[in-house]
Amino acid sequence: MGENEYELRYLPLFLDDLTSITRYIAETLCNPDAAIRLTQNIEAAILKRRPFAESFAPYPTMKKRKQPYYAIYVGNYVIYYVVIDHSIMEVRRLLYMGQNRVRILDEDK
């Protein structure tokens, strides 16, 4: 796949994850600059992966899925996405590495 051939979509669940994480960093940890940097790094990682979304090994999950999950690692966080019909990169979750990611992903629909 060449550059920009994948349409990019964000699920509301991913946006909720991002909001919760950045709000925690900015408000609870009192580090708004770190929250901004994390958001920028997440966006850059997604855009960097976009032209090659299916060129990486799928992320193993216990749950059988129509589309396999792929993972992008950004610091202590993992971005999960799927590719739909070889044309859409759908970003689904953003989870902290310390979370029980297997359980959370297997609970997702």
Protein backbone atom coordinates (compact mmCIF):
# COMPACT_ATOMS: atom_id res chain seq x y z
CA MET A 1 0.00 0.00 0.00
CA GLY A 2 1.27 3.45 -0.84
CA GLU A 3 1.06 6.58 1.22
CA ASN A 4 -2.44 7.81 2.14
CA GLU A 5 -4.17 4.82 0.60
CA TYR A 6 -5.74 3.92 3.96
CA GLU A 7 -8.64 6.01 5.14
CA LEU A 8 -8.09 6.87 8.79
CA ARG A 9 -10.88 6.48 11.35
CA TYR A 10 -10.92 6.90 15.11
CA LEU A 11 -13.48 5.09 17.26
CA PRO A 12 -15.07 7.13 20.05
CA LEU A 13 -13.59 4.60 22.49
CA PHE A 14 -10.07 5.55 21.38
CA LEU A 15 -10.89 9.24 21.78
CA ASP A 16 -12.28 8.53 25.28
CA ASP A 17 -9.08 6.65 26.16
CA LEU A 18 -6.95 9.53 24.87
CA THR A 19 -8.98 12.13 26.76
CA SER A 20 -8.83 10.17 30.01
CA ILE A 21 -5.09 9.59 29.77
CA THR A 22 -4.19 13.16 28.84
CA ARG A 23 -6.54 14.61 31.46
CA TYR A 24 -4.92 12.41 34.11
CA ILE A 25 -1.43 13.50 33.07
CA ALA A 26 -2.35 17.18 32.78
CA GLU A 27 -4.56 17.51 35.87
CA THR A 28 -3.73 14.76 38.35
CA LEU A 29 -0.01 14.67 37.63
CA CYS A 30 0.01 18.44 37.01
CA ASN A 31 2.01 18.09 33.80
CA PRO A 32 0.10 19.59 30.88
CA ASP A 33 3.26 19.78 28.76
CA ALA A 34 3.71 16.00 29.03
CA ALA A 35 0.07 15.49 28.04
CA ILE A 36 0.56 17.65 24.95
CA ARG A 37 3.78 15.81 24.02
CA LEU A 38 2.08 12.44 24.43
CA THR A 39 -0.80 13.51 22.19
CA GLN A 40 1.65 14.74 19.55
CA ASN A 41 3.66 11.51 19.76
CA ILE A 42 0.52 9.40 19.43
CA GLU A 43 -0.65 11.35 16.40
CA ALA A 44 2.80 11.12 14.78
CA ALA A 45 2.98 7.36 15.39
CA ILE A 46 -0.45 6.77 13.84
CA LEU A 47 0.35 8.89 10.79
CA LYS A 48 3.73 7.19 10.37
CA ARG A 49 2.07 3.75 10.44
CA ARG A 50 -0.83 4.73 8.16
CA PRO A 51 0.84 4.05 4.78
CA PHE A 52 1.95 0.60 5.98
CA ALA A 53 -0.90 -0.41 8.30
CA GLU A 54 -0.93 -4.09 7.25
CA SER A 55 2.85 -4.52 7.01
CA PHE A 56 3.23 -5.52 10.65
CA ALA A 57 2.45 -8.70 12.56
CA PRO A 58 -1.05 -8.75 14.06
CA TYR A 59 -1.31 -8.39 17.83
CA PRO A 60 -2.37 -11.73 19.36
CA THR A 61 -5.65 -11.72 21.29
CA MET A 62 -7.65 -14.59 22.72
CA LYS A 63 -10.87 -13.38 21.15
CA LYS A 64 -11.52 -14.30 17.53
CA ARG A 65 -12.06 -11.16 15.47
CA LYS A 66 -13.15 -10.40 11.93
CA GLN A 67 -10.13 -8.08 11.63
CA PRO A 68 -6.97 -8.69 13.67
CA TYR A 69 -5.65 -6.02 15.96
CA TYR A 70 -2.33 -4.34 15.28
CA ALA A 71 -0.32 -2.47 17.91
CA ILE A 72 1.74 0.71 17.91
CA TYR A 73 3.90 1.37 20.96
CA VAL A 74 4.34 4.95 22.16
CA GLY A 75 6.21 5.27 25.44
CA ASN A 76 4.18 3.47 28.11
CA TYR A 77 1.08 3.27 25.90
CA VAL A 78 -0.19 1.01 23.15
CA ILE A 79 -2.43 2.10 20.30
CA TYR A 80 -4.60 -0.67 18.85
CA TYR A 81 -6.08 -0.55 15.38
CA VAL A 82 -7.60 -2.81 12.75
CA VAL A 83 -7.61 -2.65 8.97
CA ILE A 84 -10.99 -3.00 7.30
CA ASP A 85 -11.22 -4.19 3.68
CA HIS A 86 -7.56 -3.34 3.05
CA SER A 87 -8.59 0.32 2.85
CA ILE A 88 -9.48 1.68 6.30
CA MET A 89 -7.17 1.99 9.30
CA GLU A 90 -9.54 2.15 12.25
CA VAL A 91 -7.88 3.21 15.52
CA ARG A 92 -9.78 1.54 18.35
CA ARG A 93 -8.01 1.76 21.71
CA LEU A 94 -5.22 3.48 23.60
CA LEU A 95 -4.15 1.60 26.72
CA TYR A 96 -1.48 2.02 29.37
CA MET A 97 1.08 -0.81 29.42
CA GLY A 98 0.38 -1.41 33.11
CA GLN A 99 -3.26 -2.25 32.44
CA ASN A 100 -4.52 -5.79 31.86
CA ARG A 101 -4.61 -5.18 28.13
CA VAL A 102 -5.50 -8.75 27.18
CA ARG A 103 -8.61 -8.66 29.38
CA ILE A 104 -9.64 -5.21 28.18
CA LEU A 105 -9.24 -6.08 24.50
CA ASP A 106 -11.07 -9.37 24.89
CA GLU A 107 -14.00 -7.52 26.48
CA ASP A 108 -14.25 -5.11 23.54
CA LYS A 109 -16.82 -5.85 20.90
